[in-house]
Amino acid sequence: MLNYRKLFDPEALRPNAPTLEKPRRPFVADYEYDEAIVLAVNVALATGRPLLLRGDAGSGKSTLAEDVARLLRYRYYEQVVSSNVEVADLLFRIDHLSRIADAHAGNADARDKPERYLRPGVLFWAFTPALAREYGKHDPELRTWELDTPDTRPAVVLLDEIDKAEPDFPNDLLVPLGSLSFQIRASNLDVAVAATPEMRPLVVVTTNEERDLPDAFLRRCVVLRLEAPRGERLSAIARRHFTKEQLDASMLETLMTRYFELRKAAEKPKLRPPGTAEFLDAARALVELREAEGGSSQDFVARNTWAFHELTQAAMWKHRQPPETSR
């Protein structure tokens, strides 16, 4: 095990970390870290490079970003990337529709106050929250775990599913991330946005690898592949979410066996295998339905073998063709 000074130590931070009342994802605050994940986050923080997370859908990439922000008490912003999203959208946009509507209504602001129609993007908020608030008036993404002086806290920015973007998107992103700045020159505005080194955000980028990313972008990232957890780590993840009373050891082993069975069934037809998120969905469904009936979880499976297979398939198998597994 590598010994180093950790800028991010989840076990040390967890006891004093805030609890999220409304996390964006159901499994935040129960994230199970391993040494590779902790090291990658620390390298990204130390170098100021984006953290690129590879891995199958459902492997915990997006959840990791939000939990890192929670533990560090950083502000948190996210942008789901698609073919319609450009890097400019991460910086700012001009609300032309509102401006046209105001102009038609005879509102002089449409002519005299172009700043009223400036909408800061996630990088604007991450770089200079105080300046963004002047233009945005309020931050819709402001999280409840921020300190009393949120404008002094860095941010975590999640750019989710970058492989769905247009091919130029990753390289275009390098310019504002490299300089921590950009210039707004639009609608008679001339605004300089620049972050101090202390406010450098941790940018977390995820890819499901549906498209190759440019080499120039990859060279500037800290890259981590989140492999599907096996054995002890999968068991530890389950224990983050369910007590032994809810999901006893025998039931957990049965569920893990079923999970790996379905993953194997996806290999030959080259289908997407179930991930950690689907495994936890199956566990939650089993716990909730077993509690409704009463009795131990293992007794529930023994009495409902067919139902167990159907329940776990519904939660973990997302394909039209049924899995070829034994019962």
Protein backbone atom coordinates (compact mmCIF):
# COMPACT_ATOMS: atom_id res chain seq x y z
CA MET A 1 0.00 0.00 0.00
CA LEU A 2 1.34 3.42 -1.01
CA ASN A 3 1.95 5.83 1.86
CA TYR A 4 1.37 9.47 0.94
CA ARG A 5 -0.17 12.66 2.31
CA LYS A 6 -3.81 12.51 1.34
CA LEU A 7 -5.56 15.66 0.22
CA PHE A 8 -8.69 13.53 0.12
CA ASP A 9 -9.17 10.83 2.77
CA PRO A 10 -12.76 9.56 2.81
CA GLU A 11 -12.42 7.62 6.04
CA ALA A 12 -11.08 10.66 7.89
CA LEU A 13 -13.67 12.99 6.35
CA ARG A 14 -16.72 10.75 6.65
CA PRO A 15 -17.45 11.19 10.40
CA ASN A 16 -17.91 14.96 10.01
CA ALA A 17 -19.43 14.94 6.54
CA PRO A 18 -22.93 16.38 6.11
CA THR A 19 -25.91 14.20 5.34
CA LEU A 20 -27.74 15.04 2.14
CA GLU A 21 -31.47 15.57 2.52
CA LYS A 22 -32.05 15.35 -1.22
CA PRO A 23 -29.07 13.84 -3.00
CA ARG A 24 -29.28 13.74 -6.76
CA ARG A 25 -28.55 10.04 -6.67
CA PRO A 26 -29.89 7.49 -4.20
CA PHE A 27 -26.52 6.04 -3.20
CA VAL A 28 -24.55 9.18 -2.33
CA ALA A 29 -23.15 9.14 1.23
CA ASP A 30 -22.74 5.38 1.06
CA TYR A 31 -19.96 5.26 -1.52
CA GLU A 32 -17.43 2.50 -0.99
CA TYR A 33 -13.92 3.68 -1.85
CA ASP A 34 -10.93 1.52 -2.64
CA GLU A 35 -7.26 2.55 -2.74
CA ALA A 36 -7.24 3.07 -6.50
CA ILE A 37 -10.18 5.48 -6.36
CA VAL A 38 -8.74 7.44 -3.42
CA LEU A 39 -5.36 7.70 -5.14
CA ALA A 40 -6.90 8.92 -8.42
CA VAL A 41 -8.88 11.64 -6.62
CA ASN A 42 -5.75 12.74 -4.78
CA VAL A 43 -3.69 12.86 -7.98
CA ALA A 44 -6.40 14.95 -9.67
CA LEU A 45 -6.48 17.37 -6.73
CA ALA A 46 -2.69 17.61 -6.56
CA THR A 47 -2.20 18.20 -10.29
CA GLY A 48 -5.32 20.23 -11.00
CA ARG A 49 -6.11 17.88 -13.88
CA PRO A 50 -9.61 16.66 -14.73
CA LEU A 51 -10.45 13.20 -13.39
CA LEU A 52 -11.70 11.04 -16.26
CA LEU A 53 -13.75 8.07 -15.08
CA ARG A 54 -14.16 5.15 -17.46
CA GLY A 55 -16.46 2.22 -16.84
CA ASP A 56 -19.76 0.62 -17.66
CA ALA A 57 -23.00 2.45 -16.98
CA GLY A 58 -24.05 1.84 -13.39
CA SER A 59 -20.50 1.43 -12.10
CA GLY A 60 -20.72 4.45 -9.78
CA LYS A 61 -18.93 7.10 -11.85
CA SER A 62 -21.43 9.92 -11.39
CA THR A 63 -22.12 9.09 -7.75
CA LEU A 64 -18.41 9.35 -6.97
CA ALA A 65 -18.27 13.00 -8.02
CA GLU A 66 -21.14 14.06 -5.76
CA ASP A 67 -19.79 12.14 -2.80
CA VAL A 68 -16.32 13.66 -3.15
CA ALA A 69 -17.94 17.11 -3.07
CA ARG A 70 -19.94 16.15 -0.01
CA LEU A 71 -16.92 14.86 1.90
CA LEU A 72 -14.74 17.86 0.99
CA ARG A 73 -17.64 20.28 1.55
CA TYR A 74 -17.06 21.68 -1.92
CA ARG A 75 -19.78 23.26 -3.99
CA TYR A 76 -21.20 20.85 -6.56
CA TYR A 77 -22.39 21.39 -10.11
CA GLU A 78 -23.15 18.98 -12.88
CA GLN A 79 -23.84 19.05 -16.59
CA VAL A 80 -25.14 16.06 -18.52
CA VAL A 81 -23.44 16.19 -21.89
CA SER A 82 -25.19 15.41 -25.15
CA SER A 83 -24.67 16.17 -28.82
CA ASN A 84 -26.61 19.41 -28.28
CA VAL A 85 -24.28 20.71 -25.55
CA GLU A 86 -21.34 22.90 -26.51
CA VAL A 87 -18.46 24.04 -24.32
CA ALA A 88 -19.88 27.57 -24.54
CA ASP A 89 -22.94 26.30 -22.64
CA LEU A 90 -20.69 25.45 -19.69
CA LEU A 91 -19.47 29.04 -19.63
CA PHE A 92 -22.56 31.17 -20.21
CA ARG A 93 -25.52 31.74 -22.46
CA ILE A 94 -27.59 34.77 -23.41
CA ASP A 95 -31.32 34.37 -22.83
CA HIS A 96 -32.37 35.82 -26.16
CA LEU A 97 -35.98 34.71 -25.83
CA SER A 98 -36.49 36.67 -22.62
CA ARG A 99 -34.79 39.69 -24.12
CA ILE A 100 -36.98 39.60 -27.23
CA ALA A 101 -40.11 39.20 -25.11
CA ASP A 102 -39.10 42.20 -22.98
CA ALA A 103 -38.37 44.25 -26.09
CA HIS A 104 -41.82 43.47 -27.49
CA ALA A 105 -43.33 44.48 -24.15
CA GLY A 106 -41.54 47.82 -24.31
CA ASN A 107 -39.19 47.03 -21.42
CA ALA A 108 -36.18 49.34 -21.70
CA ASP A 109 -33.97 46.73 -19.99
CA ALA A 110 -33.89 44.80 -23.24
CA ARG A 111 -31.90 47.66 -24.70
CA ASP A 112 -30.13 49.19 -21.71
CA LYS A 113 -29.33 46.24 -19.43
CA PRO A 114 -27.98 43.29 -21.44
CA GLU A 115 -26.49 41.84 -18.25
CA ARG A 116 -30.03 40.93 -17.15
CA TYR A 117 -30.07 38.23 -19.81
CA LEU A 118 -26.72 36.66 -19.03
CA ARG A 119 -27.06 33.13 -17.64
CA PRO A 120 -23.87 31.73 -16.04
CA GLY A 121 -22.95 28.13 -16.85
CA VAL A 122 -21.47 25.54 -14.51
CA LEU A 123 -17.86 26.63 -15.08
CA PHE A 124 -18.79 30.27 -14.50
CA TRP A 125 -20.30 29.25 -11.13
CA ALA A 126 -17.30 27.05 -10.34
CA PHE A 127 -14.68 29.68 -11.22
CA THR A 128 -16.20 32.80 -9.65
CA PRO A 129 -19.41 32.14 -7.68
CA ALA A 130 -19.66 35.71 -6.39
CA LEU A 131 -19.48 37.18 -9.90
CA ALA A 132 -21.83 34.52 -11.26
CA ARG A 133 -24.33 35.41 -8.56
CA GLU A 134 -24.26 39.06 -9.64
CA TYR A 135 -25.47 38.01 -13.05
CA GLY A 136 -27.41 34.88 -12.18
CA LYS A 137 -28.97 36.47 -9.05
CA HIS A 138 -29.28 33.04 -7.53
CA ASP A 139 -27.49 29.74 -7.88
CA PRO A 140 -30.00 26.96 -8.59
CA GLU A 141 -27.34 24.36 -7.84
CA LEU A 142 -26.32 25.71 -4.42
CA ARG A 143 -26.00 22.74 -2.06
CA THR A 144 -27.12 22.62 1.56
CA TRP A 145 -23.75 21.38 2.83
CA GLU A 146 -21.87 24.57 1.95
CA LEU A 147 -20.27 26.59 4.71
CA ASP A 148 -21.36 30.07 5.75
CA THR A 149 -18.96 31.53 3.19
CA PRO A 150 -19.61 29.40 0.09
CA ASP A 151 -17.86 31.87 -2.23
CA THR A 152 -14.53 30.84 -0.71
CA ARG A 153 -15.05 27.11 -1.32
CA PRO A 154 -13.82 25.35 -4.46
CA ALA A 155 -16.23 23.23 -6.46
CA VAL A 156 -16.58 19.80 -7.94
CA VAL A 157 -17.95 19.93 -11.49
CA LEU A 158 -19.34 16.73 -13.01
CA LEU A 159 -19.43 16.55 -16.80
CA ASP A 160 -21.42 13.39 -17.31
CA GLU A 161 -21.16 11.17 -20.41
CA ILE A 162 -18.70 13.24 -22.42
CA ASP A 163 -18.58 10.51 -25.07
CA LYS A 164 -22.05 11.65 -26.20
CA ALA A 165 -20.70 15.10 -27.13
CA GLU A 166 -19.61 16.22 -30.57
CA PRO A 167 -15.99 15.22 -31.41
CA ASP A 168 -14.56 18.73 -30.84
CA PHE A 169 -16.08 19.11 -27.37
CA PRO A 170 -13.28 17.49 -25.26
CA ASN A 171 -10.46 19.49 -26.85
CA ASP A 172 -12.48 22.72 -26.73
CA LEU A 173 -12.91 22.12 -23.01
CA LEU A 174 -9.15 22.20 -22.45
CA VAL A 175 -8.92 25.95 -23.07
CA PRO A 176 -11.05 27.23 -20.14
CA LEU A 177 -9.88 24.42 -17.86
CA GLY A 178 -6.24 25.13 -18.62
CA SER A 179 -6.45 28.88 -18.05
CA LEU A 180 -9.22 28.87 -15.41
CA SER A 181 -10.66 31.79 -17.31
CA PHE A 182 -12.76 32.93 -20.24
CA GLN A 183 -14.05 36.16 -21.72
CA ILE A 184 -17.69 37.07 -22.32
CA ARG A 185 -18.08 39.23 -25.40
CA ALA A 186 -21.71 39.11 -26.45
CA SER A 187 -24.72 41.43 -26.48
CA ASN A 188 -22.56 44.50 -25.75
CA LEU A 189 -21.07 42.76 -22.73
CA ASP A 190 -17.36 42.50 -22.04
CA VAL A 191 -16.81 40.47 -18.87
CA ALA A 192 -13.63 38.70 -17.75
CA VAL A 193 -14.18 35.55 -15.71
CA ALA A 194 -11.12 34.14 -13.97
CA ALA A 195 -10.64 31.83 -11.00
CA THR A 196 -7.82 32.13 -8.51
CA PRO A 197 -5.60 29.05 -8.09
CA GLU A 198 -7.29 28.41 -4.72
CA MET A 199 -10.66 28.15 -6.46
CA ARG A 200 -9.53 25.66 -9.09
CA PRO A 201 -12.41 23.19 -9.38
CA LEU A 202 -12.08 19.44 -9.38
CA VAL A 203 -13.58 18.54 -12.74
CA VAL A 204 -14.85 14.96 -12.96
CA VAL A 205 -15.60 13.69 -16.45
CA THR A 206 -17.35 10.39 -17.13
CA THR A 207 -17.46 8.26 -20.25
CA ASN A 208 -19.27 5.04 -21.11
CA GLU A 209 -16.76 4.72 -23.98
CA GLU A 210 -19.33 4.81 -26.74
CA ARG A 211 -16.86 7.00 -28.63
CA ASP A 212 -13.08 7.36 -28.41
CA LEU A 213 -11.84 10.57 -26.83
CA PRO A 214 -9.06 12.67 -28.42
CA ASP A 215 -5.50 11.88 -27.39
CA ALA A 216 -4.85 15.54 -26.55
CA PHE A 217 -7.69 15.46 -24.03
CA LEU A 218 -6.63 12.12 -22.54
CA ARG A 219 -3.07 13.37 -22.01
CA ARG A 220 -4.39 16.15 -19.80
CA CYS A 221 -6.56 13.93 -17.61
CA VAL A 222 -6.03 11.67 -14.66
CA VAL A 223 -7.68 8.49 -15.90
CA LEU A 224 -9.34 5.85 -13.73
CA ARG A 225 -11.34 2.88 -14.86
CA LEU A 226 -14.02 1.78 -12.41
CA GLU A 227 -14.17 -1.97 -12.76
CA ALA A 228 -17.20 -3.94 -11.70
CA PRO A 229 -16.65 -4.78 -8.02
CA ARG A 230 -16.20 -8.40 -7.11
CA GLY A 231 -16.14 -10.49 -3.96
CA GLU A 232 -15.32 -8.56 -0.82
CA ARG A 233 -15.74 -5.10 -2.36
CA LEU A 234 -19.22 -5.89 -3.69
CA SER A 235 -20.14 -7.24 -0.26
CA ALA A 236 -18.75 -4.08 1.38
CA ILE A 237 -20.80 -1.92 -0.98
CA ALA A 238 -23.94 -3.82 -0.01
CA ARG A 239 -23.12 -3.35 3.67
CA ARG A 240 -22.95 0.42 3.14
CA HIS A 241 -26.63 0.27 2.29
CA PHE A 242 -28.16 -2.66 4.16
CA THR A 243 -27.73 -4.01 7.67
CA LYS A 244 -27.29 -7.70 8.38
CA GLU A 245 -30.85 -7.70 9.71
CA GLN A 246 -32.13 -6.43 6.38
CA LEU A 247 -29.89 -8.59 4.21
CA ASP A 248 -28.25 -11.47 6.02
CA ALA A 249 -25.00 -13.07 4.87
CA SER A 250 -26.69 -16.05 3.20
CA MET A 251 -29.08 -13.83 1.25
CA LEU A 252 -26.30 -11.49 0.22
CA GLU A 253 -24.28 -14.41 -1.10
CA THR A 254 -27.30 -15.69 -3.04
CA LEU A 255 -27.89 -12.26 -4.53
CA MET A 256 -24.22 -11.85 -5.47
CA THR A 257 -24.27 -15.23 -7.18
CA ARG A 258 -27.31 -14.16 -9.19
CA TYR A 259 -25.62 -10.85 -10.09
CA PHE A 260 -22.51 -12.56 -11.44
CA GLU A 261 -24.71 -15.09 -13.25
CA LEU A 262 -26.47 -12.27 -15.10
CA ARG A 263 -23.18 -10.53 -15.86
CA LYS A 264 -21.87 -13.75 -17.40
CA ALA A 265 -25.08 -14.16 -19.40
CA ALA A 266 -24.43 -10.75 -20.98
CA GLU A 267 -20.94 -11.67 -22.20
CA LYS A 268 -21.64 -13.97 -25.17
CA PRO A 269 -24.31 -11.80 -26.85
CA LYS A 270 -22.12 -8.75 -26.01
CA LEU A 271 -24.84 -6.98 -24.07
CA ARG A 272 -24.29 -4.40 -21.35
CA PRO A 273 -23.90 -6.32 -18.08
CA PRO A 274 -25.70 -5.22 -14.92
CA GLY A 275 -23.68 -2.80 -12.82
CA THR A 276 -23.45 -1.89 -9.18
CA ALA A 277 -26.51 0.36 -9.37
CA GLU A 278 -28.65 -2.50 -10.67
CA PHE A 279 -27.26 -4.83 -8.01
CA LEU A 280 -28.29 -2.36 -5.29
CA ASP A 281 -31.72 -1.96 -6.90
CA ALA A 282 -32.22 -5.71 -6.71
CA ALA A 283 -31.10 -5.77 -3.09
CA ARG A 284 -33.44 -2.92 -2.17
CA ALA A 285 -36.39 -4.56 -3.91
CA LEU A 286 -35.66 -7.84 -2.15
CA VAL A 287 -35.40 -6.16 1.26
CA GLU A 288 -38.58 -4.13 0.82
CA LEU A 289 -40.68 -7.00 -0.52
CA ARG A 290 -39.36 -9.47 2.02
CA GLU A 291 -40.14 -7.04 4.84
CA ALA A 292 -43.68 -6.75 3.57
CA GLU A 293 -44.08 -10.50 3.86
CA GLY A 294 -42.03 -10.98 7.01
CA GLY A 295 -39.58 -13.73 7.88
CA SER A 296 -35.90 -13.99 7.03
CA SER A 297 -34.63 -13.03 3.61
CA GLN A 298 -33.32 -16.55 2.96
CA ASP A 299 -36.72 -18.03 3.86
CA PHE A 300 -38.30 -15.61 1.42
CA VAL A 301 -36.11 -16.90 -1.41
CA ALA A 302 -36.67 -20.53 -0.44
CA ARG A 303 -40.44 -20.02 -0.63
CA ASN A 304 -40.28 -17.90 -3.76
CA THR A 305 -37.49 -19.26 -5.96
CA TRP A 306 -39.24 -18.33 -9.20
CA ALA A 307 -40.18 -14.89 -7.88
CA PHE A 308 -36.57 -14.29 -6.77
CA HIS A 309 -35.30 -14.96 -10.28
CA GLU A 310 -37.96 -12.76 -11.83
CA LEU A 311 -37.40 -9.96 -9.30
CA THR A 312 -33.64 -9.92 -9.79
CA GLN A 313 -34.00 -10.13 -13.55
CA ALA A 314 -36.42 -7.19 -13.56
CA ALA A 315 -33.98 -5.11 -11.48
CA MET A 316 -30.73 -6.10 -13.17
CA TRP A 317 -31.41 -7.25 -16.74
CA LYS A 318 -32.22 -4.40 -19.14
CA HIS A 319 -32.37 -6.21 -22.46
CA ARG A 320 -35.14 -7.40 -24.71
CA GLN A 321 -33.88 -10.96 -24.97
CA PRO A 322 -34.03 -12.99 -21.76
CA PRO A 323 -30.77 -14.13 -20.15
CA GLU A 324 -29.58 -17.67 -20.74
CA THR A 325 -29.07 -18.78 -17.16
CA SER A 326 -29.89 -21.83 -15.11
CA ARG A 327 -32.48 -21.81 -12.34
